[in-house]
Protein backbone atom coordinates (compact mmCIF):
# COMPACT_ATOMS: atom_id res chain seq x y z
CA MET A 1 61.51 98.66 38.18
CA LYS A 2 62.99 97.65 34.65
CA HIS A 3 65.50 94.80 36.14
CA LEU A 4 66.90 93.54 39.21
CA LEU A 5 70.85 94.29 38.56
CA LYS A 6 71.79 95.29 42.08
CA LEU A 7 70.20 96.88 45.10
CA SER A 8 71.27 100.33 44.74
CA ASP A 9 68.95 100.26 41.10
CA LEU A 10 66.19 100.19 43.59
CA THR A 11 64.16 102.64 45.73
CA THR A 12 63.34 101.74 49.91
CA GLU A 13 59.58 101.28 48.41
CA GLU A 14 60.52 98.74 45.59
CA ILE A 15 62.48 96.81 48.22
CA LEU A 16 59.81 96.77 50.44
CA ALA A 17 57.29 96.05 47.79
CA ILE A 18 58.98 92.74 46.63
CA LEU A 19 59.19 91.64 50.23
CA ASN A 20 55.15 91.98 50.61
CA LEU A 21 54.47 90.41 47.60
CA ALA A 22 57.24 87.64 48.69
CA ASP A 23 54.84 87.36 51.82
CA GLN A 24 51.69 87.30 50.17
CA LEU A 25 53.03 84.56 47.49
CA LYS A 26 54.38 81.85 50.25
CA TYR A 27 51.28 82.26 52.41
CA GLU A 28 49.51 81.09 49.38
CA ASN A 29 52.60 78.78 48.11
CA LYS A 30 51.97 77.07 52.05
CA HIS A 31 48.27 77.07 52.07
CA GLY A 32 47.54 75.03 48.63
CA ILE A 33 46.22 78.35 47.06
CA ALA A 34 47.63 78.00 43.43
CA HIS A 35 48.89 81.66 41.77
CA HIS A 36 49.82 80.99 37.86
CA ILE A 37 50.43 84.61 37.41
CA LEU A 38 53.12 83.66 34.83
CA ARG A 39 51.07 81.10 32.81
CA GLY A 40 52.59 80.86 29.29
CA LYS A 41 56.04 83.14 30.58
CA THR A 42 59.57 81.69 29.82
CA LEU A 43 62.37 82.32 31.81
CA GLY A 44 66.22 81.55 30.70
CA MET A 45 68.68 80.64 33.47
CA ILE A 46 72.27 81.43 32.16
CA PHE A 47 74.75 79.55 34.45
CA ALA A 48 78.29 80.01 33.83
CA LYS A 49 79.04 79.40 37.87
CA ALA A 50 77.77 75.94 39.41
CA SER A 51 74.35 76.55 41.63
CA THR A 52 72.42 74.64 43.98
CA ARG A 53 70.07 77.01 45.37
CA THR A 54 69.93 79.31 42.64
CA ARG A 55 69.09 76.63 40.05
CA VAL A 56 66.70 74.90 41.89
CA SER A 57 64.45 78.08 43.97
CA PHE A 58 64.09 79.94 39.67
CA GLU A 59 63.08 76.58 38.25
CA THR A 60 60.61 75.93 40.84
CA GLY A 61 59.04 79.10 40.85
CA MET A 62 58.59 79.17 37.55
CA TYR A 63 57.02 76.21 37.66
CA GLN A 64 54.72 76.96 40.37
CA LEU A 65 53.97 80.78 39.15
CA GLY A 66 52.34 78.69 35.86
CA GLY A 67 55.13 79.46 33.50
CA ASN A 68 58.64 77.72 32.22
CA ALA A 69 62.49 78.12 32.96
CA LEU A 70 65.22 76.84 30.87
CA PHE A 71 68.72 76.02 31.98
CA LEU A 72 71.06 77.59 29.26
CA SER A 73 75.07 76.59 30.68
CA SER A 74 77.09 79.29 29.48
CA SER A 75 79.65 76.48 28.07
CA GLU A 76 76.94 75.10 25.76
CA LEU A 77 75.71 78.58 24.50
CA GLN A 78 77.69 80.90 21.49
CA ILE A 79 78.13 83.34 24.27
CA GLY A 80 80.67 80.58 25.65
CA ARG A 81 82.27 80.91 22.25
CA GLY A 82 82.64 84.65 21.71
CA GLU A 83 79.49 85.53 20.46
CA PRO A 84 79.23 89.06 22.27
CA VAL A 85 76.66 89.41 25.09
CA ARG A 86 74.82 91.96 22.88
CA ASP A 87 74.25 89.87 20.23
CA THR A 88 72.58 87.12 22.61
CA ALA A 89 70.77 89.59 24.62
CA ARG A 90 69.48 90.65 21.52
CA VAL A 91 68.39 87.07 20.05
CA LEU A 92 67.26 85.69 23.15
CA SER A 93 64.68 88.86 23.68
CA ARG A 94 62.87 87.57 20.65
CA TYR A 95 62.48 83.65 22.22
CA LEU A 96 61.91 84.82 25.90
CA ASP A 97 60.05 86.79 28.75
CA GLY A 98 63.26 86.94 30.67
CA ILE A 99 66.72 86.07 31.58
CA MET A 100 68.42 85.11 34.49
CA ILE A 101 72.24 84.66 34.43
CA ARG A 102 74.76 84.10 37.30
CA THR A 103 78.14 84.90 36.32
CA PHE A 104 81.42 86.26 37.58
CA ALA A 105 81.79 89.72 36.05
CA GLN A 106 78.47 92.46 36.65
CA GLN A 107 79.27 94.07 33.43
CA GLU A 108 78.30 90.82 31.79
CA VAL A 109 75.03 91.35 33.22
CA ASP A 110 74.83 95.18 33.06
CA ASP A 111 75.22 94.42 28.80
CA LEU A 112 72.69 92.03 28.48
CA ALA A 113 69.97 94.82 30.09
CA GLU A 114 71.19 97.24 27.81
CA TYR A 115 70.79 95.67 24.45
CA GLY A 116 67.88 93.24 25.63
CA THR A 117 64.25 94.14 25.34
CA ILE A 118 63.02 92.02 28.49
CA PRO A 119 63.78 91.73 31.94
CA VAL A 120 67.35 90.83 33.14
CA ILE A 121 67.65 89.38 36.67
CA ASN A 122 71.22 88.88 38.42
CA GLY A 123 71.45 85.74 39.61
CA LEU A 124 74.72 86.76 41.21
CA THR A 125 78.46 88.23 40.12
CA ASP A 126 81.29 88.75 41.52
CA TYR A 127 80.13 91.75 42.50
CA ALA A 128 76.21 91.39 44.06
CA HIS A 129 73.71 89.10 44.93
CA PRO A 130 70.45 90.99 45.29
CA CYS A 131 68.01 87.92 45.22
CA GLN A 132 69.85 86.27 48.23
CA VAL A 133 69.65 89.48 50.21
CA LEU A 134 65.88 89.68 49.29
CA ALA A 135 65.62 86.49 51.17
CA ASP A 136 67.63 88.02 53.69
CA LEU A 137 65.83 90.52 53.97
CA MET A 138 62.60 88.94 54.06
CA THR A 139 64.07 86.53 56.60
CA ILE A 140 65.20 88.99 59.07
CA ARG A 141 61.50 90.45 58.74
CA GLU A 142 59.71 87.45 59.82
CA TYR A 143 61.74 86.56 62.62
CA LYS A 144 62.37 90.20 64.22
CA LYS A 145 59.07 91.78 62.51
CA LYS A 146 60.34 94.58 61.51
CA LEU A 147 63.70 95.87 59.85
CA ASP A 148 63.91 99.55 60.32
CA GLY A 149 66.01 100.67 63.43
CA LEU A 150 67.68 96.54 63.75
CA LYS A 151 71.40 96.04 63.79
CA PHE A 152 72.89 94.00 61.30
CA ALA A 153 76.41 92.60 61.71
CA TYR A 154 78.47 91.20 58.98
CA ILE A 155 81.89 89.28 59.12
CA GLY A 156 83.63 88.09 57.05
CA ASP A 157 84.69 88.72 53.01
CA GLY A 158 84.03 91.62 51.68
CA ASN A 159 82.67 90.26 48.51
CA ASN A 160 79.30 90.23 46.53
CA MET A 161 77.52 89.40 49.30
CA ALA A 162 78.65 92.63 51.50
CA ASN A 163 78.47 94.82 48.91
CA SER A 164 74.45 93.57 48.90
CA LEU A 165 73.80 93.58 51.93
CA ILE A 166 75.23 96.96 53.00
CA VAL A 167 72.41 98.22 50.39
CA GLY A 168 70.19 95.48 51.23
CA ALA A 169 70.35 96.76 55.27
CA LEU A 170 70.69 100.59 54.85
CA LYS A 171 67.94 101.04 52.52
CA THR A 172 65.59 99.29 54.99
CA GLY A 173 66.39 101.34 57.54
CA MET A 174 68.64 99.00 59.42
CA SER A 175 72.96 99.83 60.65
CA ILE A 176 75.33 97.58 59.37
CA SER A 177 78.81 96.66 60.79
CA VAL A 178 81.16 94.82 59.09
CA ALA A 179 84.12 93.12 60.18
CA SER A 180 86.66 92.47 57.33
CA PRO A 181 90.63 91.67 57.58
CA LYS A 182 92.47 94.56 56.06
CA GLY A 183 92.93 93.84 52.20
CA TYR A 184 89.51 92.00 52.26
CA GLU A 185 87.33 95.15 52.37
CA PRO A 186 84.06 95.95 50.61
CA ASP A 187 83.95 97.33 47.18
CA THR A 188 85.05 100.97 47.47
CA GLY A 189 81.73 102.30 45.49
CA VAL A 190 79.94 100.50 47.79
CA LEU A 191 81.71 102.08 50.99
CA ASP A 192 81.14 105.31 49.69
CA PHE A 193 77.52 104.79 49.13
CA ALA A 194 77.00 103.48 52.81
CA LYS A 195 79.15 106.45 53.87
CA LYS A 196 76.16 108.46 52.83
CA TYR A 197 74.11 106.87 55.79
CA GLY A 198 76.74 108.58 58.65
CA ASN A 199 77.09 106.46 61.78
CA LYS A 200 74.61 104.22 60.71
CA PHE A 201 77.55 102.11 58.57
CA VAL A 202 80.79 101.03 60.57
CA LEU A 203 83.43 99.30 59.14
CA THR A 204 86.17 97.46 61.35
CA ASP A 205 88.69 94.39 61.61
CA ASN A 206 87.42 93.63 64.82
CA SER A 207 84.33 91.11 64.99
CA GLU A 208 83.89 91.46 68.51
CA ILE A 209 82.93 95.50 67.38
CA ALA A 210 80.83 94.23 64.29
CA ALA A 211 78.73 92.07 66.44
CA GLU A 212 78.61 94.01 70.27
CA GLY A 213 74.83 94.56 70.42
CA ALA A 214 73.72 93.09 67.03
CA ASP A 215 70.39 91.51 66.34
CA VAL A 216 71.20 89.70 62.93
CA LEU A 217 74.60 88.13 62.37
CA TYR A 218 75.69 86.88 58.74
CA THR A 219 78.64 85.39 57.62
CA ASP A 220 79.47 83.51 54.26
CA VAL A 221 82.29 81.25 53.26
CA TRP A 222 86.16 82.74 53.42
CA ALA A 223 86.91 81.59 49.89
CA SER A 224 84.15 81.96 46.82
CA MET A 225 83.82 80.48 43.58
CA GLY A 226 86.74 80.73 41.70
CA GLN A 227 89.05 81.59 44.61
CA GLU A 228 90.05 78.25 45.54
CA LYS A 229 93.44 78.98 44.76
CA GLU A 230 93.69 81.48 47.70
CA ALA A 231 91.89 79.02 49.65
CA GLU A 232 94.96 78.47 52.20
CA ILE A 233 95.91 82.12 52.17
CA ARG A 234 92.40 83.48 53.20
CA LYS A 235 92.27 80.78 55.97
CA ALA A 236 94.94 82.19 57.63
CA ALA A 237 94.21 86.27 56.79
CA PHE A 238 90.20 84.94 58.78
CA LYS A 239 91.41 83.69 61.74
CA GLY A 240 89.30 85.08 63.89
CA PHE A 241 86.67 86.24 61.65
CA GLN A 242 84.44 83.25 62.48
CA ILE A 243 80.63 83.35 64.21
CA ASN A 244 81.31 81.12 67.08
CA ASP A 245 79.52 80.69 70.56
CA LYS A 246 81.83 83.52 72.07
CA LEU A 247 81.39 85.86 69.74
CA LEU A 248 77.05 85.01 69.74
CA THR A 249 77.45 86.25 73.76
CA ARG A 250 78.12 89.95 72.33
CA ALA A 251 75.36 90.01 70.15
CA ASN A 252 71.49 90.22 71.14
CA SER A 253 70.59 87.53 73.36
CA ASP A 254 67.63 86.99 70.93
CA ALA A 255 70.09 87.54 67.88
CA ILE A 256 69.92 85.28 64.50
CA VAL A 257 72.19 83.76 62.37
CA LEU A 258 72.18 84.04 59.03
CA HIS A 259 73.85 82.16 56.12
CA CYS A 260 73.57 81.95 52.29
CA LEU A 261 75.28 78.87 52.24
CA PRO A 262 76.83 76.37 51.47
CA ALA A 263 78.31 76.65 54.74
CA HIS A 264 82.27 75.55 55.79
CA HIS A 265 80.69 74.42 59.49
CA THR A 266 81.93 70.65 59.87
CA VAL A 267 83.79 69.81 63.02
CA GLY A 268 87.31 69.47 62.45
CA ASN A 269 87.06 71.87 59.19
CA GLU A 270 84.94 74.57 60.75
CA GLU A 271 85.79 78.19 59.10
CA GLU A 272 83.26 81.35 58.69
CA ILE A 273 80.74 79.72 61.51
CA THR A 274 81.10 76.62 63.98
CA ASP A 275 78.91 73.48 63.96
CA SER A 276 77.54 74.89 67.13
CA ALA A 277 76.73 77.85 65.75
CA PHE A 278 75.60 76.87 62.82
CA GLU A 279 73.18 73.97 64.49
CA LYS A 280 71.53 76.50 67.16
CA HIS A 281 70.40 78.97 64.40
CA ALA A 282 69.52 76.35 61.49
CA ASN A 283 66.44 76.68 61.56
CA GLU A 284 66.69 80.74 60.65
CA ILE A 285 69.60 79.34 58.13
CA PHE A 286 67.15 77.01 56.24
CA ASP A 287 64.13 79.45 56.51
CA GLU A 288 66.21 82.08 54.67
CA ALA A 289 67.50 79.27 52.16
CA GLU A 290 63.35 78.44 51.82
CA ASN A 291 63.32 82.08 51.12
CA ARG A 292 65.04 82.19 48.00
CA LEU A 293 61.82 80.71 46.53
CA HIS A 294 59.67 83.22 47.75
CA ALA A 295 61.66 86.42 46.80
CA GLN A 296 62.71 85.32 43.63
CA LYS A 297 59.09 84.71 42.49
CA ALA A 298 58.35 87.81 43.69
CA VAL A 299 61.01 89.48 41.61
CA MET A 300 59.78 87.44 38.81
CA VAL A 301 56.09 88.48 39.05
CA LYS A 302 57.24 92.23 39.56
CA LEU A 303 59.56 91.83 36.21
CA MET A 304 57.46 89.32 33.90
CA ASP A 305 54.08 89.73 34.60
């Protein structure tokens, strides 16, 4: 494991090793056990997209690991003024011990890894969000005590979250049903990957079919960053693709609900999840948010130690 670019690059064993280390680091953090494993190391964090959880969790994580984190806005770097990514990669490799990037194009992340000589972590692209899914898997395992054999249901846009969740669920032994409106399905390459798992993967345009017997229900916003102009069109297209009390009755009675946040659940403006469903499962959702910190610390240790 040289980088974390997308989950399909990792073996099942590598994913589980990250989760095991994340559990250990979380335990130590909760019990006041210092783990300055990355003392003297510096992580450069490139942001082309706005962030709450990604920036705070990576910056805090590096501090807890004894290292330093540098916030690098793409608008303030030469990469934002036309410098080739391959040049930026080669320069930053001389200064830093690792790069985390949150950007639009997956190719930008791949190029940093190809031309640099230090580990690169995908903090989010339009194609994939591996860090979030590692935190999701960690959370599911905390609540369900296992991953293998569970049924996962994703309701909503076939976006970067759907792409990464499909891979993460299947690689760790879960079956997964995805319900997306026609025209908003996950990436075709990811669907080709999922076909190899036979009936462990189902793609439908019916939320109730996807949620039937699920152990885990998951959703994301209908319009992601960069899609604001499509918001009204998407509201119409995604009607019926909402986690609500009715849909919850289709899942197992002890099902958990997860959301990568931010969520649009304000009463009177409920979109992908109702306020009632959100608040009933708020503990799970905010444990999931916290686990971004622990899972990403594990990734940084694996790559930068």
